[in-house]
Amino acid sequence: MSDSGGTDDVVRVSRIEAGQIDLVDESGNTRATLACSSAENRGHVVLHLYDQTGAPRLSLQVDDKEGPSISLWNTTSSPCISLGVLTGGNGITICDREGKPLIVAGVPAERGEPEVTVSDSSGAIIVQIP
């Protein structure tokens, strides 16, 4: 961006290589991060999106060992909803304001049958199917 208040410069390249790229707003606050770890560190690729206060709000990740997942975060920086297509099975987790899982539904890979667990705020299981 231009510091003089003029028009912003445009840079065109055919390729950029980096381990991490941060997108910042006009105030210098990071609003998005795209990062990739080494293959020795699970080959993890993640895109984090942040709100105007810097709190994480969405994560999209692919882990070479586990698989892809998406997490939505609330305004208190706790994960609220996570969806994964993972090595151990596919599922969704819905959490309370503090990030404690209350509803977990999925299909574990070892069984191939659906499971649903509903817990109260203390973590005690209220309903479990099957």
C-alpha atoms as a PDB file:
ATOM      1  CA  MET A   1       0.000   0.000   0.000  1.00  0.00           C
ATOM      2  CA  SER A   2       1.058   3.529  -0.583  1.00  0.00           C
ATOM      3  CA  ASP A   3       2.074   5.579   2.464  1.00  0.00           C
ATOM      4  CA  SER A   4       1.574   8.876   0.665  1.00  0.00           C
ATOM      5  CA  GLY A   5      -2.196   8.545   0.337  1.00  0.00           C
ATOM      6  CA  GLY A   6      -1.899   8.006  -3.419  1.00  0.00           C
ATOM      7  CA  THR A   7      -2.947   4.970  -5.345  1.00  0.00           C
ATOM      8  CA  ASP A   8      -1.685   1.596  -4.224  1.00  0.00           C
ATOM      9  CA  ASP A   9       1.038  -0.122  -6.205  1.00  0.00           C
ATOM     10  CA  VAL A  10       0.169  -3.273  -8.086  1.00  0.00           C
ATOM     11  CA  VAL A  11       2.702  -6.072  -8.215  1.00  0.00           C
ATOM     12  CA  ARG A  12       2.171  -8.932 -10.626  1.00  0.00           C
ATOM     13  CA  VAL A  13       4.184 -12.125 -10.405  1.00  0.00           C
ATOM     14  CA  SER A  14       3.568 -15.609 -11.701  1.00  0.00           C
ATOM     15  CA  ARG A  15       4.446 -17.305  -8.404  1.00  0.00           C
ATOM     16  CA  ILE A  16       5.161 -16.559  -4.749  1.00  0.00           C
ATOM     17  CA  GLU A  17       6.768 -19.110  -2.432  1.00  0.00           C
ATOM     18  CA  ALA A  18       6.465 -18.682   1.322  1.00  0.00           C
ATOM     19  CA  GLY A  19       5.872 -20.720   4.457  1.00  0.00           C
ATOM     20  CA  GLN A  20       3.313 -18.150   5.636  1.00  0.00           C
ATOM     21  CA  ILE A  21       1.451 -15.222   4.156  1.00  0.00           C
ATOM     22  CA  ASP A  22      -0.389 -12.697   6.341  1.00  0.00           C
ATOM     23  CA  LEU A  23      -3.041 -10.355   4.955  1.00  0.00           C
ATOM     24  CA  VAL A  24      -3.351  -7.139   6.940  1.00  0.00           C
ATOM     25  CA  ASP A  25      -5.934  -4.371   6.894  1.00  0.00           C
ATOM     26  CA  GLU A  26      -5.206  -0.639   6.579  1.00  0.00           C
ATOM     27  CA  SER A  27      -4.463  -0.459  10.337  1.00  0.00           C
ATOM     28  CA  GLY A  28      -1.889  -3.250  10.143  1.00  0.00           C
ATOM     29  CA  ASN A  29      -4.126  -5.828  11.839  1.00  0.00           C
ATOM     30  CA  THR A  30      -3.746  -9.377  10.566  1.00  0.00           C
ATOM     31  CA  ARG A  31      -7.063 -10.435   9.010  1.00  0.00           C
ATOM     32  CA  ALA A  32      -5.964 -13.693   7.358  1.00  0.00           C
ATOM     33  CA  THR A  33      -3.050 -16.101   7.550  1.00  0.00           C
ATOM     34  CA  LEU A  34      -2.187 -18.830   5.075  1.00  0.00           C
ATOM     35  CA  ALA A  35       0.508 -21.135   6.422  1.00  0.00           C
ATOM     36  CA  CYS A  36       2.107 -24.461   5.563  1.00  0.00           C
ATOM     37  CA  SER A  37       4.270 -26.590   7.836  1.00  0.00           C
ATOM     38  CA  SER A  38       6.959 -28.996   6.722  1.00  0.00           C
ATOM     39  CA  ALA A  39       6.189 -32.617   5.894  1.00  0.00           C
ATOM     40  CA  GLU A  40       8.047 -33.604   9.093  1.00  0.00           C
ATOM     41  CA  ASN A  41       5.522 -31.499  11.014  1.00  0.00           C
ATOM     42  CA  ARG A  42       2.452 -33.325   9.609  1.00  0.00           C
ATOM     43  CA  GLY A  43       2.330 -31.375   6.329  1.00  0.00           C
ATOM     44  CA  HIS A  44      -0.298 -29.070   7.818  1.00  0.00           C
ATOM     45  CA  VAL A  45      -1.811 -26.361   5.575  1.00  0.00           C
ATOM     46  CA  VAL A  46      -4.142 -23.854   7.244  1.00  0.00           C
ATOM     47  CA  LEU A  47      -6.078 -20.709   6.379  1.00  0.00           C
ATOM     48  CA  HIS A  48      -7.110 -18.631   9.409  1.00  0.00           C
ATOM     49  CA  LEU A  49      -9.531 -15.705   9.072  1.00  0.00           C
ATOM     50  CA  TYR A  50      -9.679 -13.112  11.875  1.00  0.00           C
ATOM     51  CA  ASP A  51     -12.245 -10.438  12.759  1.00  0.00           C
ATOM     52  CA  GLN A  52     -11.422  -6.751  13.175  1.00  0.00           C
ATOM     53  CA  THR A  53     -10.306  -7.348  16.794  1.00  0.00           C
ATOM     54  CA  GLY A  54      -7.829 -10.057  15.759  1.00  0.00           C
ATOM     55  CA  ALA A  55      -9.917 -12.931  17.139  1.00  0.00           C
ATOM     56  CA  PRO A  56      -9.891 -16.104  15.019  1.00  0.00           C
ATOM     57  CA  ARG A  57     -13.285 -16.699  13.377  1.00  0.00           C
ATOM     58  CA  LEU A  58     -12.685 -19.433  10.774  1.00  0.00           C
ATOM     59  CA  SER A  59     -10.011 -22.040  10.154  1.00  0.00           C
ATOM     60  CA  LEU A  60      -9.766 -24.243   7.090  1.00  0.00           C
ATOM     61  CA  GLN A  61      -7.048 -26.850   7.363  1.00  0.00           C
ATOM     62  CA  VAL A  62      -5.668 -29.924   5.686  1.00  0.00           C
ATOM     63  CA  ASP A  63      -3.421 -32.246   7.627  1.00  0.00           C
ATOM     64  CA  ASP A  64      -1.547 -34.911   5.644  1.00  0.00           C
ATOM     65  CA  LYS A  65      -2.056 -37.465   8.441  1.00  0.00           C
ATOM     66  CA  GLU A  66      -5.582 -36.606   9.609  1.00  0.00           C
ATOM     67  CA  GLY A  67      -7.395 -34.973   6.657  1.00  0.00           C
ATOM     68  CA  PRO A  68      -9.361 -31.757   6.078  1.00  0.00           C
ATOM     69  CA  SER A  69     -11.410 -29.832   8.645  1.00  0.00           C
ATOM     70  CA  ILE A  70     -13.218 -26.528   9.076  1.00  0.00           C
ATOM     71  CA  SER A  71     -13.691 -24.738  12.404  1.00  0.00           C
ATOM     72  CA  LEU A  72     -15.884 -21.722  13.161  1.00  0.00           C
ATOM     73  CA  TRP A  73     -14.962 -19.655  16.231  1.00  0.00           C
ATOM     74  CA  ASN A  74     -17.138 -17.387  18.380  1.00  0.00           C
ATOM     75  CA  THR A  75     -16.322 -13.845  19.502  1.00  0.00           C
ATOM     76  CA  THR A  76     -14.587 -15.158  22.644  1.00  0.00           C
ATOM     77  CA  SER A  77     -12.040 -17.073  20.497  1.00  0.00           C
ATOM     78  CA  SER A  78     -13.475 -20.490  21.318  1.00  0.00           C
ATOM     79  CA  PRO A  79     -14.178 -23.032  18.598  1.00  0.00           C
ATOM     80  CA  CYS A  80     -17.963 -23.448  18.230  1.00  0.00           C
ATOM     81  CA  ILE A  81     -18.491 -25.727  15.264  1.00  0.00           C
ATOM     82  CA  SER A  82     -15.958 -28.084  13.708  1.00  0.00           C
ATOM     83  CA  LEU A  83     -16.499 -30.298  10.689  1.00  0.00           C
ATOM     84  CA  GLY A  84     -13.940 -32.883   9.705  1.00  0.00           C
ATOM     85  CA  VAL A  85     -13.369 -35.584   7.123  1.00  0.00           C
ATOM     86  CA  LEU A  86     -10.608 -37.280   9.041  1.00  0.00           C
ATOM     87  CA  THR A  87      -8.669 -40.528   9.104  1.00  0.00           C
ATOM     88  CA  GLY A  88     -10.517 -41.596  12.266  1.00  0.00           C
ATOM     89  CA  GLY A  89     -13.932 -40.829  10.766  1.00  0.00           C
ATOM     90  CA  ASN A  90     -16.162 -38.015   9.588  1.00  0.00           C
ATOM     91  CA  GLY A  91     -18.005 -35.783  12.000  1.00  0.00           C
ATOM     92  CA  ILE A  92     -19.248 -32.518  13.363  1.00  0.00           C
ATOM     93  CA  THR A  93     -18.741 -31.067  16.839  1.00  0.00           C
ATOM     94  CA  ILE A  94     -20.843 -28.240  18.297  1.00  0.00           C
ATOM     95  CA  CYS A  95     -19.468 -26.523  21.396  1.00  0.00           C
ATOM     96  CA  ASP A  96     -20.695 -24.053  24.009  1.00  0.00           C
ATOM     97  CA  ARG A  97     -19.326 -20.507  24.447  1.00  0.00           C
ATOM     98  CA  GLU A  98     -16.214 -21.801  26.232  1.00  0.00           C
ATOM     99  CA  GLY A  99     -15.413 -24.364  23.546  1.00  0.00           C
ATOM    100  CA  LYS A 100     -16.626 -27.443  25.472  1.00  0.00           C
ATOM    101  CA  PRO A 101     -18.127 -30.043  23.103  1.00  0.00           C
ATOM    102  CA  LEU A 102     -21.890 -30.467  23.706  1.00  0.00           C
ATOM    103  CA  ILE A 103     -22.938 -32.320  20.552  1.00  0.00           C
ATOM    104  CA  VAL A 104     -20.697 -34.716  18.641  1.00  0.00           C
ATOM    105  CA  ALA A 105     -22.085 -36.552  15.628  1.00  0.00           C
ATOM    106  CA  GLY A 106     -20.132 -38.636  13.223  1.00  0.00           C
ATOM    107  CA  VAL A 107     -19.264 -41.884  11.562  1.00  0.00           C
ATOM    108  CA  PRO A 108     -16.113 -43.418  13.074  1.00  0.00           C
ATOM    109  CA  ALA A 109     -13.965 -45.146  10.462  1.00  0.00           C
ATOM    110  CA  GLU A 110     -13.533 -48.345  12.490  1.00  0.00           C
ATOM    111  CA  ARG A 111     -17.295 -48.957  12.831  1.00  0.00           C
ATOM    112  CA  GLY A 112     -18.759 -47.245   9.785  1.00  0.00           C
ATOM    113  CA  GLU A 113     -22.008 -46.619  11.703  1.00  0.00           C
ATOM    114  CA  PRO A 114     -23.293 -43.230  12.877  1.00  0.00           C
ATOM    115  CA  GLU A 115     -22.855 -42.091  16.484  1.00  0.00           C
ATOM    116  CA  VAL A 116     -24.322 -39.094  18.304  1.00  0.00           C
ATOM    117  CA  THR A 117     -23.355 -37.898  21.776  1.00  0.00           C
ATOM    118  CA  VAL A 118     -25.042 -35.013  23.597  1.00  0.00           C
ATOM    119  CA  SER A 119     -23.451 -33.692  26.802  1.00  0.00           C
ATOM    120  CA  ASP A 120     -24.480 -31.118  29.380  1.00  0.00           C
ATOM    121  CA  SER A 121     -22.371 -28.099  30.331  1.00  0.00           C
ATOM    122  CA  SER A 122     -20.408 -30.155  32.899  1.00  0.00           C
ATOM    123  CA  GLY A 123     -19.428 -32.692  30.230  1.00  0.00           C
ATOM    124  CA  ALA A 124     -21.723 -35.448  31.483  1.00  0.00           C
ATOM    125  CA  ILE A 125     -23.283 -37.452  28.642  1.00  0.00           C
ATOM    126  CA  ILE A 126     -27.064 -36.938  28.422  1.00  0.00           C
ATOM    127  CA  VAL A 127     -27.758 -38.906  25.233  1.00  0.00           C
ATOM    128  CA  GLN A 128     -25.614 -41.365  23.332  1.00  0.00           C
ATOM    129  CA  ILE A 129     -26.767 -43.094  20.155  1.00  0.00           C
ATOM    130  CA  PRO A 130     -26.013 -45.977  19.852  1.00  0.00           C
END
